[in-house]
N, C-alpha and C. Protein backbone atom coordinates (compact mmCIF):
# COMPACT_ATOMS: atom_id res chain seq x y z
N UNK A 1 37.75 5.28 -39.07
CA UNK A 1 37.12 5.67 -37.81
C UNK A 1 37.49 4.65 -36.74
N UNK A 2 37.73 5.10 -35.56
CA UNK A 2 38.12 4.24 -34.45
C UNK A 2 36.99 3.28 -34.08
N UNK A 3 37.36 2.04 -33.73
CA UNK A 3 36.35 1.01 -33.44
C UNK A 3 35.40 1.38 -32.31
N UNK A 4 35.88 2.06 -31.27
CA UNK A 4 34.98 2.40 -30.16
C UNK A 4 33.89 3.37 -30.63
N UNK A 5 34.25 4.27 -31.54
CA UNK A 5 33.26 5.20 -32.10
C UNK A 5 32.29 4.43 -32.99
N UNK A 6 32.83 3.53 -33.81
CA UNK A 6 31.98 2.70 -34.66
C UNK A 6 31.05 1.84 -33.83
N UNK A 7 31.59 1.24 -32.78
CA UNK A 7 30.75 0.41 -31.90
C UNK A 7 29.57 1.22 -31.37
N UNK A 8 29.82 2.45 -30.97
CA UNK A 8 28.75 3.30 -30.45
C UNK A 8 27.72 3.61 -31.53
N UNK A 9 28.18 3.89 -32.75
CA UNK A 9 27.26 4.16 -33.85
C UNK A 9 26.42 2.92 -34.18
N UNK A 10 27.06 1.76 -34.18
CA UNK A 10 26.35 0.51 -34.46
C UNK A 10 25.29 0.26 -33.39
N UNK A 11 25.68 0.40 -32.13
CA UNK A 11 24.72 0.19 -31.04
C UNK A 11 23.55 1.16 -31.13
N UNK A 12 23.84 2.41 -31.49
CA UNK A 12 22.77 3.40 -31.64
C UNK A 12 21.80 3.04 -32.74
N UNK A 13 22.33 2.52 -33.85
CA UNK A 13 21.47 2.10 -34.96
C UNK A 13 20.66 0.87 -34.57
N UNK A 14 21.28 -0.06 -33.86
CA UNK A 14 20.54 -1.25 -33.41
C UNK A 14 19.40 -0.87 -32.47
N UNK A 15 19.58 0.20 -31.70
CA UNK A 15 18.51 0.65 -30.80
C UNK A 15 17.26 1.05 -31.59
N UNK A 16 17.44 1.51 -32.82
CA UNK A 16 16.30 1.87 -33.66
C UNK A 16 15.55 0.64 -34.15
N UNK A 17 16.25 -0.48 -34.29
CA UNK A 17 15.66 -1.73 -34.79
C UNK A 17 15.00 -2.52 -33.67
N UNK A 18 15.54 -2.43 -32.48
CA UNK A 18 15.10 -3.26 -31.36
C UNK A 18 13.59 -3.22 -31.09
N UNK A 19 12.93 -2.06 -31.12
CA UNK A 19 11.49 -2.06 -30.85
C UNK A 19 10.68 -2.93 -31.81
N UNK A 20 11.11 -2.99 -33.07
CA UNK A 20 10.43 -3.84 -34.05
C UNK A 20 10.56 -5.31 -33.66
N UNK A 21 11.76 -5.70 -33.27
CA UNK A 21 12.00 -7.09 -32.87
C UNK A 21 11.30 -7.41 -31.55
N UNK A 22 11.34 -6.48 -30.62
CA UNK A 22 10.73 -6.70 -29.30
C UNK A 22 9.22 -6.83 -29.39
N UNK A 23 8.62 -6.19 -30.37
CA UNK A 23 7.17 -6.30 -30.56
C UNK A 23 6.76 -7.75 -30.83
N UNK A 24 7.68 -8.51 -31.46
CA UNK A 24 7.41 -9.91 -31.77
C UNK A 24 8.07 -10.86 -30.77
N UNK A 25 8.53 -10.34 -29.64
CA UNK A 25 9.12 -11.17 -28.60
C UNK A 25 10.59 -11.49 -28.79
N UNK A 26 11.26 -10.77 -29.68
CA UNK A 26 12.68 -11.01 -29.93
C UNK A 26 13.53 -9.82 -29.52
N UNK A 27 14.81 -9.93 -29.84
CA UNK A 27 15.74 -8.84 -29.54
C UNK A 27 17.04 -9.11 -30.29
N UNK A 28 17.90 -8.11 -30.32
CA UNK A 28 19.22 -8.24 -30.95
C UNK A 28 20.26 -7.68 -29.98
N UNK A 29 21.40 -8.35 -29.92
CA UNK A 29 22.50 -7.93 -29.05
C UNK A 29 23.75 -7.76 -29.90
N UNK A 30 24.41 -6.63 -29.77
CA UNK A 30 25.68 -6.36 -30.46
C UNK A 30 26.78 -7.18 -29.81
N UNK A 31 27.54 -7.93 -30.62
CA UNK A 31 28.63 -8.75 -30.10
C UNK A 31 29.98 -8.14 -30.44
N UNK A 32 30.12 -7.63 -31.67
CA UNK A 32 31.39 -7.03 -32.04
C UNK A 32 31.41 -6.56 -33.48
N UNK A 33 32.50 -5.87 -33.84
CA UNK A 33 32.69 -5.37 -35.21
C UNK A 33 34.14 -5.60 -35.59
N UNK A 34 34.34 -6.25 -36.76
CA UNK A 34 35.69 -6.53 -37.22
C UNK A 34 35.68 -6.71 -38.73
N UNK A 35 36.61 -6.06 -39.41
CA UNK A 35 36.77 -6.20 -40.87
C UNK A 35 35.47 -5.97 -41.64
N UNK A 36 34.70 -4.98 -41.24
CA UNK A 36 33.48 -4.64 -41.95
C UNK A 36 32.28 -5.48 -41.58
N UNK A 37 32.47 -6.45 -40.68
CA UNK A 37 31.38 -7.34 -40.27
C UNK A 37 30.88 -6.99 -38.87
N UNK A 38 29.58 -6.81 -38.78
CA UNK A 38 28.94 -6.61 -37.49
C UNK A 38 28.45 -7.97 -37.02
N UNK A 39 28.84 -8.35 -35.81
CA UNK A 39 28.40 -9.62 -35.24
C UNK A 39 27.30 -9.34 -34.24
N UNK A 40 26.17 -10.03 -34.41
CA UNK A 40 25.03 -9.86 -33.51
C UNK A 40 24.52 -11.21 -33.05
N UNK A 41 23.84 -11.18 -31.93
CA UNK A 41 23.17 -12.37 -31.40
C UNK A 41 21.68 -12.06 -31.39
N UNK A 42 20.89 -12.93 -32.03
CA UNK A 42 19.44 -12.77 -32.00
C UNK A 42 18.93 -13.50 -30.78
N UNK A 43 18.05 -12.84 -30.03
CA UNK A 43 17.59 -13.37 -28.75
C UNK A 43 16.07 -13.51 -28.74
N UNK A 44 15.58 -14.21 -27.73
CA UNK A 44 14.14 -14.38 -27.57
C UNK A 44 13.54 -15.13 -28.75
N UNK A 45 12.39 -14.68 -29.19
CA UNK A 45 11.68 -15.34 -30.28
C UNK A 45 12.50 -15.32 -31.57
N UNK A 46 13.37 -14.33 -31.74
CA UNK A 46 14.19 -14.23 -32.96
C UNK A 46 15.22 -15.35 -33.03
N UNK A 47 15.61 -15.87 -31.87
CA UNK A 47 16.64 -16.90 -31.83
C UNK A 47 16.28 -18.15 -32.60
N UNK A 48 15.03 -18.57 -32.54
CA UNK A 48 14.63 -19.79 -33.22
C UNK A 48 13.64 -19.56 -34.34
N UNK A 49 13.43 -18.34 -34.72
CA UNK A 49 12.43 -18.00 -35.74
C UNK A 49 12.92 -18.39 -37.13
N UNK A 50 12.05 -19.01 -37.94
CA UNK A 50 12.44 -19.35 -39.31
C UNK A 50 12.73 -18.12 -40.17
N UNK A 51 12.19 -16.97 -39.80
CA UNK A 51 12.42 -15.74 -40.56
C UNK A 51 13.61 -14.94 -40.06
N UNK A 52 14.40 -15.51 -39.15
CA UNK A 52 15.51 -14.78 -38.55
C UNK A 52 16.53 -14.31 -39.57
N UNK A 53 16.85 -15.15 -40.55
CA UNK A 53 17.84 -14.77 -41.56
C UNK A 53 17.34 -13.60 -42.39
N UNK A 54 16.06 -13.62 -42.74
CA UNK A 54 15.49 -12.52 -43.51
C UNK A 54 15.51 -11.24 -42.67
N UNK A 55 15.15 -11.34 -41.40
CA UNK A 55 15.18 -10.17 -40.52
C UNK A 55 16.60 -9.63 -40.41
N UNK A 56 17.56 -10.53 -40.28
CA UNK A 56 18.95 -10.14 -40.15
C UNK A 56 19.42 -9.35 -41.38
N UNK A 57 19.12 -9.87 -42.56
CA UNK A 57 19.61 -9.25 -43.81
C UNK A 57 18.76 -8.07 -44.26
N UNK A 58 17.45 -8.22 -44.23
CA UNK A 58 16.56 -7.21 -44.81
C UNK A 58 16.25 -6.05 -43.86
N UNK A 59 16.40 -6.26 -42.58
CA UNK A 59 16.09 -5.19 -41.63
C UNK A 59 17.38 -4.67 -40.98
N UNK A 60 18.06 -5.55 -40.25
CA UNK A 60 19.22 -5.12 -39.47
C UNK A 60 20.38 -4.70 -40.38
N UNK A 61 20.77 -5.60 -41.30
CA UNK A 61 21.91 -5.28 -42.18
C UNK A 61 21.62 -4.08 -43.06
N UNK A 62 20.43 -4.02 -43.62
CA UNK A 62 20.06 -2.91 -44.50
C UNK A 62 20.19 -1.57 -43.79
N UNK A 63 19.66 -1.49 -42.58
CA UNK A 63 19.71 -0.23 -41.83
C UNK A 63 21.15 0.14 -41.46
N UNK A 64 21.91 -0.84 -40.99
CA UNK A 64 23.30 -0.56 -40.60
C UNK A 64 24.12 -0.09 -41.80
N UNK A 65 23.95 -0.73 -42.95
CA UNK A 65 24.71 -0.34 -44.14
C UNK A 65 24.32 1.05 -44.63
N UNK A 66 23.05 1.40 -44.48
CA UNK A 66 22.60 2.74 -44.89
C UNK A 66 23.19 3.82 -44.00
N UNK A 67 23.31 3.54 -42.72
CA UNK A 67 23.74 4.57 -41.77
C UNK A 67 25.25 4.61 -41.51
N UNK A 68 25.94 3.49 -41.75
CA UNK A 68 27.36 3.41 -41.41
C UNK A 68 28.12 2.80 -42.59
N UNK A 69 28.86 3.61 -43.30
CA UNK A 69 29.53 3.16 -44.53
C UNK A 69 30.55 2.05 -44.30
N UNK A 70 31.11 1.96 -43.11
CA UNK A 70 32.11 0.93 -42.82
C UNK A 70 31.51 -0.47 -42.71
N UNK A 71 30.21 -0.56 -42.52
CA UNK A 71 29.54 -1.86 -42.38
C UNK A 71 29.35 -2.48 -43.75
N UNK A 72 29.90 -3.68 -43.92
CA UNK A 72 29.78 -4.42 -45.18
C UNK A 72 28.82 -5.60 -45.07
N UNK A 73 28.69 -6.14 -43.85
CA UNK A 73 27.88 -7.33 -43.66
C UNK A 73 27.51 -7.45 -42.18
N UNK A 74 26.37 -8.11 -41.94
CA UNK A 74 25.97 -8.43 -40.57
C UNK A 74 25.88 -9.94 -40.48
N UNK A 75 26.53 -10.51 -39.48
CA UNK A 75 26.52 -11.96 -39.30
C UNK A 75 25.98 -12.31 -37.92
N UNK A 76 25.33 -13.44 -37.87
CA UNK A 76 24.74 -13.93 -36.63
C UNK A 76 25.72 -14.87 -35.93
N UNK A 77 25.87 -14.68 -34.65
CA UNK A 77 26.67 -15.60 -33.83
C UNK A 77 25.79 -16.15 -32.72
N UNK A 78 26.16 -17.33 -32.24
CA UNK A 78 25.38 -17.95 -31.16
C UNK A 78 26.08 -17.84 -29.84
């Protein structure tokens, strides 16, 4: 699948996660997709939260992998 189409699918899926993060004062920003890895930036309260890694893997990565077969991993960038 073409990256621009994948980018749109990834962004759409992240939109489903954002309200959960925003409720706790955080947010997620899509940075890019390459070689099966989705790069995101955690913002607001999520940026310095001790539970950020768990949120990244158990919420964001889990949902993206369920909805988009090309996604193999989600990584955090600063």
